[in-house]
Amino acid sequence: RTFREMMVAANHFTIAPSVVTSAGR
Protein backbone atom coordinates (compact mmCIF):
# COMPACT_ATOMS: atom_id res chain seq x y z
CA ARG A 1 0.00 0.00 0.00
CA THR A 2 2.79 2.43 0.86
CA PHE A 3 4.53 1.70 -2.45
CA ARG A 4 1.35 2.45 -4.40
CA GLU A 5 0.68 5.63 -2.44
CA MET A 6 4.15 7.03 -3.01
CA MET A 7 3.97 6.34 -6.74
CA VAL A 8 0.70 8.29 -6.92
CA ALA A 9 2.01 11.20 -4.83
CA ALA A 10 5.16 11.44 -6.94
CA ASN A 11 3.01 12.24 -9.99
CA HIS A 12 1.48 15.32 -8.38
CA PHE A 13 2.10 18.51 -10.35
CA THR A 14 3.54 20.23 -7.28
CA ILE A 15 6.83 18.39 -7.86
CA ALA A 16 6.81 18.62 -11.65
CA PRO A 17 10.25 18.81 -13.32
CA SER A 18 9.48 22.32 -14.55
CA VAL A 19 9.14 23.55 -10.96
CA VAL A 20 12.48 22.02 -9.98
CA THR A 21 14.12 23.42 -13.11
CA SER A 22 12.95 26.95 -12.32
CA ALA A 23 14.05 26.62 -8.71
CA GLY A 24 17.43 25.37 -9.88
CA ARG A 25 17.83 28.35 -12.20
PDB file of all heavy atoms in Angstrom:
ATOM      1  N   ARG A   1       0.822  -1.216   0.000  1.00  0.00           N
ATOM      2  CA  ARG A   1       0.000   0.000   0.000  1.00  0.00           C
ATOM      3  C   ARG A   1       0.855   1.265   0.000  1.00  0.00           C
ATOM      4  O   ARG A   1       0.584   2.225  -0.728  1.00  0.00           O
ATOM      5  CB  ARG A   1      -0.931   0.002   1.214  1.00  0.00           C
ATOM      6  CG  ARG A   1      -1.922   1.171   1.206  1.00  0.00           C
ATOM      7  CD  ARG A   1      -2.888   1.123   2.373  1.00  0.00           C
ATOM      8  NE  ARG A   1      -2.223   1.263   3.651  1.00  0.00           N
ATOM      9  CZ  ARG A   1      -2.136   0.319   4.565  1.00  0.00           C
ATOM     10  NH1 ARG A   1      -2.687  -0.868   4.360  1.00  0.00           N
ATOM     11  NH2 ARG A   1      -1.504   0.530   5.717  1.00  0.00           N
ATOM     12  N   THR A   2       1.912   1.264   0.791  1.00  0.00           N
ATOM     13  CA  THR A   2       2.789   2.432   0.862  1.00  0.00           C
ATOM     14  C   THR A   2       3.496   2.665  -0.468  1.00  0.00           C
ATOM     15  O   THR A   2       3.654   3.808  -0.907  1.00  0.00           O
ATOM     16  CB  THR A   2       3.823   2.265   1.990  1.00  0.00           C
ATOM     17  OG1 THR A   2       3.135   2.031   3.228  1.00  0.00           O
ATOM     18  CG2 THR A   2       4.688   3.506   2.139  1.00  0.00           C
ATOM     19  N   PHE A   3       3.909   1.584  -1.122  1.00  0.00           N
ATOM     20  CA  PHE A   3       4.526   1.699  -2.445  1.00  0.00           C
ATOM     21  C   PHE A   3       3.561   2.365  -3.427  1.00  0.00           C
ATOM     22  O   PHE A   3       3.926   3.323  -4.132  1.00  0.00           O
ATOM     23  CB  PHE A   3       4.916   0.301  -2.948  1.00  0.00           C
ATOM     24  CG  PHE A   3       5.462   0.279  -4.347  1.00  0.00           C
ATOM     25  CD1 PHE A   3       6.802   0.533  -4.592  1.00  0.00           C
ATOM     26  CD2 PHE A   3       4.625   0.010  -5.435  1.00  0.00           C
ATOM     27  CE1 PHE A   3       7.310   0.512  -5.888  1.00  0.00           C
ATOM     28  CE2 PHE A   3       5.119  -0.014  -6.727  1.00  0.00           C
ATOM     29  CZ  PHE A   3       6.468   0.239  -6.953  1.00  0.00           C
ATOM     30  N   ARG A   4       2.327   1.892  -3.465  1.00  0.00           N
ATOM     31  CA  ARG A   4       1.355   2.454  -4.403  1.00  0.00           C
ATOM     32  C   ARG A   4       1.075   3.926  -4.098  1.00  0.00           C
ATOM     33  O   ARG A   4       0.960   4.757  -5.004  1.00  0.00           O
ATOM     34  CB  ARG A   4       0.057   1.637  -4.358  1.00  0.00           C
ATOM     35  CG  ARG A   4       0.192   0.254  -4.958  1.00  0.00           C
ATOM     36  CD  ARG A   4      -1.144  -0.465  -5.043  1.00  0.00           C
ATOM     37  NE  ARG A   4      -1.634  -0.937  -3.755  1.00  0.00           N
ATOM     38  CZ  ARG A   4      -2.628  -0.398  -3.076  1.00  0.00           C
ATOM     39  NH1 ARG A   4      -3.247   0.674  -3.555  1.00  0.00           N
ATOM     40  NH2 ARG A   4      -3.020  -0.892  -1.923  1.00  0.00           N
ATOM     41  N   GLU A   5       0.972   4.242  -2.823  1.00  0.00           N
ATOM     42  CA  GLU A   5       0.681   5.629  -2.439  1.00  0.00           C
ATOM     43  C   GLU A   5       1.804   6.578  -2.836  1.00  0.00           C
ATOM     44  O   GLU A   5       1.550   7.680  -3.337  1.00  0.00           O
ATOM     45  CB  GLU A   5       0.410   5.690  -0.933  1.00  0.00           C
ATOM     46  CG  GLU A   5      -0.908   5.035  -0.550  1.00  0.00           C
ATOM     47  CD  GLU A   5      -1.146   4.929   0.943  1.00  0.00           C
ATOM     48  OE1 GLU A   5      -0.171   5.055   1.722  1.00  0.00           O
ATOM     49  OE2 GLU A   5      -2.296   4.705   1.351  1.00  0.00           O
ATOM     50  N   MET A   6       3.037   6.154  -2.645  1.00  0.00           N
ATOM     51  CA  MET A   6       4.151   7.027  -3.007  1.00  0.00           C
ATOM     52  C   MET A   6       4.234   7.229  -4.513  1.00  0.00           C
ATOM     53  O   MET A   6       4.540   8.332  -4.990  1.00  0.00           O
ATOM     54  CB  MET A   6       5.471   6.462  -2.476  1.00  0.00           C
ATOM     55  CG  MET A   6       6.698   7.291  -2.855  1.00  0.00           C
ATOM     56  SD  MET A   6       6.603   9.040  -2.351  1.00  0.00           S
ATOM     57  CE  MET A   6       7.122   8.918  -0.642  1.00  0.00           C
ATOM     58  N   MET A   7       3.943   6.193  -5.282  1.00  0.00           N
ATOM     59  CA  MET A   7       3.970   6.338  -6.739  1.00  0.00           C
ATOM     60  C   MET A   7       2.912   7.335  -7.214  1.00  0.00           C
ATOM     61  O   MET A   7       3.140   8.115  -8.148  1.00  0.00           O
ATOM     62  CB  MET A   7       3.766   4.983  -7.421  1.00  0.00           C
ATOM     63  CG  MET A   7       4.855   3.963  -7.153  1.00  0.00           C
ATOM     64  SD  MET A   7       6.529   4.554  -7.536  1.00  0.00           S
ATOM     65  CE  MET A   7       7.315   4.351  -5.926  1.00  0.00           C
ATOM     66  N   VAL A   8       1.751   7.330  -6.573  1.00  0.00           N
ATOM     67  CA  VAL A   8       0.702   8.290  -6.921  1.00  0.00           C
ATOM     68  C   VAL A   8       1.126   9.709  -6.526  1.00  0.00           C
ATOM     69  O   VAL A   8       1.015  10.652  -7.318  1.00  0.00           O
ATOM     70  CB  VAL A   8      -0.625   7.903  -6.239  1.00  0.00           C
ATOM     71  CG1 VAL A   8      -1.654   9.029  -6.369  1.00  0.00           C
ATOM     72  CG2 VAL A   8      -1.183   6.618  -6.851  1.00  0.00           C
ATOM     73  N   ALA A   9       1.622   9.863  -5.311  1.00  0.00           N
ATOM     74  CA  ALA A   9       2.008  11.197  -4.834  1.00  0.00           C
ATOM     75  C   ALA A   9       3.121  11.793  -5.678  1.00  0.00           C
ATOM     76  O   ALA A   9       3.160  13.015  -5.900  1.00  0.00           O
ATOM     77  CB  ALA A   9       2.445  11.112  -3.376  1.00  0.00           C
ATOM     78  N   ALA A  10       4.026  10.954  -6.155  1.00  0.00           N
ATOM     79  CA  ALA A  10       5.160  11.445  -6.940  1.00  0.00           C
ATOM     80  C   ALA A  10       4.742  11.990  -8.299  1.00  0.00           C
ATOM     81  O   ALA A  10       5.537  12.674  -8.959  1.00  0.00           O
ATOM     82  CB  ALA A  10       6.186  10.327  -7.123  1.00  0.00           C
ATOM     83  N   ASN A  11       3.511  11.704  -8.724  1.00  0.00           N
ATOM     84  CA  ASN A  11       3.011  12.237  -9.992  1.00  0.00           C
ATOM     85  C   ASN A  11       2.272  13.559  -9.820  1.00  0.00           C
ATOM     86  O   ASN A  11       1.763  14.108 -10.797  1.00  0.00           O
ATOM     87  CB  ASN A  11       2.076  11.224 -10.661  1.00  0.00           C
ATOM     88  CG  ASN A  11       2.834  10.236 -11.526  1.00  0.00           C
ATOM     89  OD1 ASN A  11       4.039  10.345 -11.709  1.00  0.00           O
ATOM     90  ND2 ASN A  11       2.132   9.252 -12.056  1.00  0.00           N
ATOM     91  N   HIS A  12       2.203  14.069  -8.611  1.00  0.00           N
ATOM     92  CA  HIS A  12       1.480  15.320  -8.378  1.00  0.00           C
ATOM     93  C   HIS A  12       2.220  16.480  -9.031  1.00  0.00           C
ATOM     94  O   HIS A  12       3.451  16.542  -9.016  1.00  0.00           O
ATOM     95  CB  HIS A  12       1.344  15.573  -6.872  1.00  0.00           C
ATOM     96  CG  HIS A  12       0.284  16.562  -6.521  1.00  0.00           C
ATOM     97  ND1 HIS A  12       0.475  17.924  -6.628  1.00  0.00           N
ATOM     98  CD2 HIS A  12      -0.987  16.390  -6.068  1.00  0.00           C
ATOM     99  CE1 HIS A  12      -0.629  18.547  -6.242  1.00  0.00           C
ATOM    100  NE2 HIS A  12      -1.534  17.647  -5.898  1.00  0.00           N
ATOM    101  N   PHE A  13       1.460  17.421  -9.595  1.00  0.00           N
ATOM    102  CA  PHE A  13       2.102  18.510 -10.352  1.00  0.00           C
ATOM    103  C   PHE A  13       2.952  19.415  -9.474  1.00  0.00           C
ATOM    104  O   PHE A  13       3.791  20.156  -9.976  1.00  0.00           O
ATOM    105  CB  PHE A  13       1.055  19.330 -11.111  1.00  0.00           C
ATOM    106  CG  PHE A  13       0.185  20.205 -10.253  1.00  0.00           C
ATOM    107  CD1 PHE A  13       0.584  21.482  -9.924  1.00  0.00           C
ATOM    108  CD2 PHE A  13      -1.028  19.750  -9.786  1.00  0.00           C
ATOM    109  CE1 PHE A  13      -0.219  22.305  -9.141  1.00  0.00           C
ATOM    110  CE2 PHE A  13      -1.834  20.555  -8.997  1.00  0.00           C
ATOM    111  CZ  PHE A  13      -1.431  21.836  -8.676  1.00  0.00           C
ATOM    112  N   THR A  14       2.762  19.363  -8.154  1.00  0.00           N
ATOM    113  CA  THR A  14       3.543  20.230  -7.278  1.00  0.00           C
ATOM    114  C   THR A  14       5.034  19.916  -7.301  1.00  0.00           C
ATOM    115  O   THR A  14       5.855  20.756  -6.934  1.00  0.00           O
ATOM    116  CB  THR A  14       3.013  20.156  -5.832  1.00  0.00           C
ATOM    117  OG1 THR A  14       3.634  21.170  -5.030  1.00  0.00           O
ATOM    118  CG2 THR A  14       3.310  18.813  -5.204  1.00  0.00           C
ATOM    119  N   ILE A  15       5.403  18.718  -7.741  1.00  0.00           N
ATOM    120  CA  ILE A  15       6.834  18.390  -7.864  1.00  0.00           C
ATOM    121  C   ILE A  15       7.214  18.129  -9.316  1.00  0.00           C
ATOM    122  O   ILE A  15       8.141  17.371  -9.607  1.00  0.00           O
ATOM    123  CB  ILE A  15       7.235  17.196  -6.972  1.00  0.00           C
ATOM    124  CG1 ILE A  15       6.381  15.954  -7.282  1.00  0.00           C
ATOM    125  CG2 ILE A  15       7.155  17.551  -5.505  1.00  0.00           C
ATOM    126  CD1 ILE A  15       6.929  14.695  -6.639  1.00  0.00           C
ATOM    127  N   ALA A  16       6.513  18.772 -10.228  1.00  0.00           N
ATOM    128  CA  ALA A  16       6.810  18.620 -11.652  1.00  0.00           C
ATOM    129  C   ALA A  16       8.239  19.053 -11.965  1.00  0.00           C
ATOM    130  O   ALA A  16       8.780  19.954 -11.313  1.00  0.00           O
ATOM    131  CB  ALA A  16       5.835  19.451 -12.472  1.00  0.00           C
ATOM    132  N   PRO A  17       8.882  18.429 -12.957  1.00  0.00           N
ATOM    133  CA  PRO A  17      10.253  18.808 -13.319  1.00  0.00           C
ATOM    134  C   PRO A  17      10.406  20.286 -13.635  1.00  0.00           C
ATOM    135  O   PRO A  17      11.453  20.886 -13.360  1.00  0.00           O
ATOM    136  CB  PRO A  17      10.532  17.936 -14.551  1.00  0.00           C
ATOM    137  CG  PRO A  17       9.673  16.726 -14.356  1.00  0.00           C
ATOM    138  CD  PRO A  17       8.425  17.235 -13.708  1.00  0.00           C
ATOM    139  N   SER A  18       9.382  20.898 -14.209  1.00  0.00           N
ATOM    140  CA  SER A  18       9.479  22.317 -14.550  1.00  0.00           C
ATOM    141  C   SER A  18       9.646  23.190 -13.312  1.00  0.00           C
ATOM    142  O   SER A  18      10.344  24.214 -13.356  1.00  0.00           O
ATOM    143  CB  SER A  18       8.232  22.754 -15.326  1.00  0.00           C
ATOM    144  OG  SER A  18       7.062  22.563 -14.547  1.00  0.00           O
ATOM    145  N   VAL A  19       9.018  22.793 -12.206  1.00  0.00           N
ATOM    146  CA  VAL A  19       9.142  23.547 -10.958  1.00  0.00           C
ATOM    147  C   VAL A  19      10.567  23.444 -10.422  1.00  0.00           C
ATOM    148  O   VAL A  19      11.177  24.446 -10.020  1.00  0.00           O
ATOM    149  CB  VAL A  19       8.136  23.033  -9.909  1.00  0.00           C
ATOM    150  CG1 VAL A  19       8.296  23.781  -8.588  1.00  0.00           C
ATOM    151  CG2 VAL A  19       6.703  23.167 -10.424  1.00  0.00           C
ATOM    152  N   VAL A  20      11.113  22.233 -10.455  1.00  0.00           N
ATOM    153  CA  VAL A  20      12.483  22.024  -9.978  1.00  0.00           C
ATOM    154  C   VAL A  20      13.479  22.751 -10.872  1.00  0.00           C
ATOM    155  O   VAL A  20      14.453  23.345 -10.389  1.00  0.00           O
ATOM    156  CB  VAL A  20      12.797  20.516  -9.915  1.00  0.00           C
ATOM    157  CG1 VAL A  20      14.237  20.291  -9.466  1.00  0.00           C
ATOM    158  CG2 VAL A  20      11.832  19.811  -8.972  1.00  0.00           C
ATOM    159  N   THR A  21      13.233  22.731 -12.168  1.00  0.00           N
ATOM    160  CA  THR A  21      14.118  23.424 -13.107  1.00  0.00           C
ATOM    161  C   THR A  21      14.164  24.919 -12.816  1.00  0.00           C
ATOM    162  O   THR A  21      15.246  25.534 -12.759  1.00  0.00           O
ATOM    163  CB  THR A  21      13.652  23.188 -14.557  1.00  0.00           C
ATOM    164  OG1 THR A  21      13.694  21.791 -14.840  1.00  0.00           O
ATOM    165  CG2 THR A  21      14.545  23.930 -15.537  1.00  0.00           C
ATOM    166  N   SER A  22      12.992  25.520 -12.620  1.00  0.00           N
ATOM    167  CA  SER A  22      12.945  26.954 -12.320  1.00  0.00           C
ATOM    168  C   SER A  22      13.635  27.257 -10.997  1.00  0.00           C
ATOM    169  O   SER A  22      14.381  28.242 -10.884  1.00  0.00           O
ATOM    170  CB  SER A  22      11.493  27.433 -12.283  1.00  0.00           C
ATOM    171  OG  SER A  22      10.903  27.352 -13.562  1.00  0.00           O
ATOM    172  N   ALA A  23      13.396  26.420 -10.005  1.00  0.00           N
ATOM    173  CA  ALA A  23      14.053  26.619  -8.711  1.00  0.00           C
ATOM    174  C   ALA A  23      15.569  26.497  -8.854  1.00  0.00           C
ATOM    175  O   ALA A  23      16.331  27.266  -8.256  1.00  0.00           O
ATOM    176  CB  ALA A  23      13.526  25.610  -7.696  1.00  0.00           C
ATOM    177  N   GLY A  24      16.006  25.532  -9.647  1.00  0.00           N
ATOM    178  CA  GLY A  24      17.435  25.370  -9.882  1.00  0.00           C
ATOM    179  C   GLY A  24      18.050  26.585 -10.553  1.00  0.00           C
ATOM    180  O   GLY A  24      19.146  27.034 -10.188  1.00  0.00           O
ATOM    181  N   ARG A  25      17.347  27.132 -11.531  1.00  0.00           N
ATOM    182  CA  ARG A  25      17.835  28.346 -12.199  1.00  0.00           C
ATOM    183  C   ARG A  25      17.975  29.497 -11.209  1.00  0.00           C
ATOM    184  O   ARG A  25      18.959  30.236 -11.238  1.00  0.00           O
ATOM    185  CB  ARG A  25      16.874  28.749 -13.319  1.00  0.00           C
ATOM    186  CG  ARG A  25      16.918  27.880 -14.572  1.00  0.00           C
ATOM    187  CD  ARG A  25      15.906  28.393 -15.591  1.00  0.00           C
ATOM    188  NE  ARG A  25      15.887  27.624 -16.827  1.00  0.00           N
ATOM    189  CZ  ARG A  25      16.674  27.842 -17.876  1.00  0.00           C
ATOM    190  NH1 ARG A  25      17.562  28.827 -17.825  1.00  0.00           N
ATOM    191  NH2 ARG A  25      16.587  27.104 -18.965  1.00  0.00           N
TER     192      ARG A  25
END
